[in-house]
């Protein structure tokens, strides 16, 4: 039988995956609409295609990559916040985050 921690970890894995995929889907739809409004044409289906202008391929790769990554990150952070409010603690993978471990101590003046 799975322990509570294993169960929480599995719930978080599914929850964060759904949030990230949902965020990416919304971002992609918004990007496509914005690209069409800004350029008057559809975004490139494959920026590596030699028939796509270089400026267009670079612009699309840069904008879409950045925007989708940010949307996924924001959706996952929101999911983590909801998870923490619902359970009273952070999701198991985030509890081990030692990002402040090596930070310099606060000045005491």
C-alpha atoms as a PDB file:
ATOM      1  CA  UNK A   1       0.000   0.000   0.000  1.00  0.00           C
ATOM      2  CA  UNK A   2       1.286   3.477  -0.863  1.00  0.00           C
ATOM      3  CA  UNK A   3       2.229   5.834   1.937  1.00  0.00           C
ATOM      4  CA  UNK A   4       0.616   9.260   2.292  1.00  0.00           C
ATOM      5  CA  UNK A   5       3.717  10.951   0.936  1.00  0.00           C
ATOM      6  CA  UNK A   6       3.731   8.739  -2.163  1.00  0.00           C
ATOM      7  CA  UNK A   7       0.037   9.431  -2.687  1.00  0.00           C
ATOM      8  CA  UNK A   8       0.530  13.208  -2.275  1.00  0.00           C
ATOM      9  CA  UNK A   9       3.443  13.102  -4.698  1.00  0.00           C
ATOM     10  CA  UNK A  10       1.350  11.296  -7.321  1.00  0.00           C
ATOM     11  CA  UNK A  11      -1.542  13.709  -6.868  1.00  0.00           C
ATOM     12  CA  UNK A  12       0.834  16.652  -7.264  1.00  0.00           C
ATOM     13  CA  UNK A  13       2.450  15.106 -10.354  1.00  0.00           C
ATOM     14  CA  UNK A  14      -0.901  14.761 -12.099  1.00  0.00           C
ATOM     15  CA  UNK A  15      -2.141  18.140 -10.840  1.00  0.00           C
ATOM     16  CA  UNK A  16       0.979  20.008 -11.981  1.00  0.00           C
ATOM     17  CA  UNK A  17       1.002  18.239 -15.363  1.00  0.00           C
ATOM     18  CA  UNK A  18      -2.622  19.215 -16.022  1.00  0.00           C
ATOM     19  CA  UNK A  19      -1.898  22.814 -14.951  1.00  0.00           C
ATOM     20  CA  UNK A  20       1.205  23.059 -17.154  1.00  0.00           C
ATOM     21  CA  UNK A  21      -0.538  21.572 -20.195  1.00  0.00           C
ATOM     22  CA  UNK A  22      -3.546  23.827 -19.677  1.00  0.00           C
ATOM     23  CA  UNK A  23      -1.332  26.888 -19.336  1.00  0.00           C
ATOM     24  CA  UNK A  24       0.612  25.962 -22.471  1.00  0.00           C
ATOM     25  CA  UNK A  25      -2.597  25.390 -24.464  1.00  0.00           C
ATOM     26  CA  UNK A  26      -4.033  28.770 -23.456  1.00  0.00           C
ATOM     27  CA  UNK A  27      -0.708  30.465 -24.238  1.00  0.00           C
ATOM     28  CA  UNK A  28      -0.473  28.798 -27.670  1.00  0.00           C
ATOM     29  CA  UNK A  29      -3.993  29.893 -28.587  1.00  0.00           C
ATOM     30  CA  UNK A  30      -3.285  33.461 -27.433  1.00  0.00           C
ATOM     31  CA  UNK A  31       0.027  33.515 -29.290  1.00  0.00           C
ATOM     32  CA  UNK A  32      -1.529  32.318 -32.533  1.00  0.00           C
ATOM     33  CA  UNK A  33      -4.240  34.994 -32.332  1.00  0.00           C
ATOM     34  CA  UNK A  34      -1.742  37.731 -31.455  1.00  0.00           C
ATOM     35  CA  UNK A  35       0.662  36.649 -34.227  1.00  0.00           C
ATOM     36  CA  UNK A  36      -2.132  36.768 -36.818  1.00  0.00           C
ATOM     37  CA  UNK A  37      -3.203  40.214 -35.615  1.00  0.00           C
ATOM     38  CA  UNK A  38       0.365  41.560 -35.647  1.00  0.00           C
ATOM     39  CA  UNK A  39       1.604  40.039 -38.916  1.00  0.00           C
ATOM     40  CA  UNK A  40      -1.563  39.362 -40.892  1.00  0.00           C
ATOM     41  CA  UNK A  41      -0.626  35.716 -41.424  1.00  0.00           C
ATOM     42  CA  UNK A  42      -0.584  32.430 -39.550  1.00  0.00           C
ATOM     43  CA  UNK A  43       2.424  31.609 -37.378  1.00  0.00           C
ATOM     44  CA  UNK A  44       4.941  29.260 -38.968  1.00  0.00           C
ATOM     45  CA  UNK A  45       3.955  25.614 -38.526  1.00  0.00           C
ATOM     46  CA  UNK A  46       7.626  24.626 -38.570  1.00  0.00           C
ATOM     47  CA  UNK A  47      10.189  27.425 -38.084  1.00  0.00           C
ATOM     48  CA  UNK A  48      12.936  25.075 -39.354  1.00  0.00           C
ATOM     49  CA  UNK A  49      11.291  24.987 -42.807  1.00  0.00           C
ATOM     50  CA  UNK A  50      13.595  26.795 -45.293  1.00  0.00           C
ATOM     51  CA  UNK A  51      10.530  28.392 -46.913  1.00  0.00           C
ATOM     52  CA  UNK A  52       9.882  30.384 -43.711  1.00  0.00           C
ATOM     53  CA  UNK A  53      11.710  33.736 -43.625  1.00  0.00           C
ATOM     54  CA  UNK A  54      14.573  33.708 -41.141  1.00  0.00           C
ATOM     55  CA  UNK A  55      13.295  36.761 -39.227  1.00  0.00           C
ATOM     56  CA  UNK A  56       9.881  35.128 -38.906  1.00  0.00           C
ATOM     57  CA  UNK A  57      11.320  31.802 -37.732  1.00  0.00           C
ATOM     58  CA  UNK A  58      13.542  33.457 -35.123  1.00  0.00           C
ATOM     59  CA  UNK A  59      10.788  35.776 -33.929  1.00  0.00           C
ATOM     60  CA  UNK A  60       8.263  32.945 -33.633  1.00  0.00           C
ATOM     61  CA  UNK A  61      10.696  30.617 -31.844  1.00  0.00           C
ATOM     62  CA  UNK A  62      11.711  33.357 -29.403  1.00  0.00           C
ATOM     63  CA  UNK A  63       8.226  34.662 -28.647  1.00  0.00           C
ATOM     64  CA  UNK A  64       6.473  31.296 -28.508  1.00  0.00           C
ATOM     65  CA  UNK A  65       9.177  29.586 -26.463  1.00  0.00           C
ATOM     66  CA  UNK A  66       9.314  32.379 -23.916  1.00  0.00           C
ATOM     67  CA  UNK A  67       5.577  32.908 -23.658  1.00  0.00           C
ATOM     68  CA  UNK A  68       4.700  29.218 -23.376  1.00  0.00           C
ATOM     69  CA  UNK A  69       7.421  28.596 -20.772  1.00  0.00           C
ATOM     70  CA  UNK A  70       6.170  31.545 -18.702  1.00  0.00           C
ATOM     71  CA  UNK A  71       2.554  30.396 -18.973  1.00  0.00           C
ATOM     72  CA  UNK A  72       3.500  26.870 -17.859  1.00  0.00           C
ATOM     73  CA  UNK A  73       5.530  28.231 -14.940  1.00  0.00           C
ATOM     74  CA  UNK A  74       2.731  30.573 -13.823  1.00  0.00           C
ATOM     75  CA  UNK A  75       0.114  27.812 -14.092  1.00  0.00           C
ATOM     76  CA  UNK A  76       2.304  25.436 -12.086  1.00  0.00           C
ATOM     77  CA  UNK A  77       2.945  28.076  -9.414  1.00  0.00           C
ATOM     78  CA  UNK A  78      -0.771  28.718  -9.166  1.00  0.00           C
ATOM     79  CA  UNK A  79      -1.399  24.977  -8.865  1.00  0.00           C
ATOM     80  CA  UNK A  80       1.234  24.771  -6.096  1.00  0.00           C
ATOM     81  CA  UNK A  81      -0.443  27.631  -4.270  1.00  0.00           C
ATOM     82  CA  UNK A  82      -3.834  25.917  -4.528  1.00  0.00           C
ATOM     83  CA  UNK A  83      -2.303  22.615  -3.404  1.00  0.00           C
ATOM     84  CA  UNK A  84      -0.696  24.294  -0.382  1.00  0.00           C
ATOM     85  CA  UNK A  85      -3.971  26.002   0.613  1.00  0.00           C
ATOM     86  CA  UNK A  86      -5.836  22.696   0.239  1.00  0.00           C
ATOM     87  CA  UNK A  87      -3.383  20.463   2.104  1.00  0.00           C
ATOM     88  CA  UNK A  88      -1.615  22.860   4.453  1.00  0.00           C
ATOM     89  CA  UNK A  89       1.823  22.176   2.936  1.00  0.00           C
ATOM     90  CA  UNK A  90       3.716  22.565  -0.304  1.00  0.00           C
ATOM     91  CA  UNK A  91       3.707  19.733  -2.844  1.00  0.00           C
ATOM     92  CA  UNK A  92       6.355  17.102  -2.002  1.00  0.00           C
ATOM     93  CA  UNK A  93       8.791  18.060  -4.811  1.00  0.00           C
ATOM     94  CA  UNK A  94       8.749  21.708  -3.736  1.00  0.00           C
ATOM     95  CA  UNK A  95       9.338  21.053  -0.040  1.00  0.00           C
ATOM     96  CA  UNK A  96      12.935  20.057  -0.817  1.00  0.00           C
ATOM     97  CA  UNK A  97      13.694  23.342  -2.577  1.00  0.00           C
ATOM     98  CA  UNK A  98      16.882  24.638  -0.918  1.00  0.00           C
ATOM     99  CA  UNK A  99      17.236  27.752  -3.043  1.00  0.00           C
ATOM    100  CA  UNK A 100      18.054  29.938  -0.029  1.00  0.00           C
ATOM    101  CA  UNK A 101      20.426  27.445   1.562  1.00  0.00           C
ATOM    102  CA  UNK A 102      23.621  29.078   0.254  1.00  0.00           C
ATOM    103  CA  UNK A 103      22.397  32.661   0.582  1.00  0.00           C
ATOM    104  CA  UNK A 104      24.482  35.029   2.601  1.00  0.00           C
ATOM    105  CA  UNK A 105      23.075  35.731   6.078  1.00  0.00           C
ATOM    106  CA  UNK A 106      21.048  38.912   6.433  1.00  0.00           C
ATOM    107  CA  UNK A 107      23.100  41.902   7.582  1.00  0.00           C
ATOM    108  CA  UNK A 108      22.758  42.689  11.282  1.00  0.00           C
ATOM    109  CA  UNK A 109      23.400  46.388  11.581  1.00  0.00           C
END
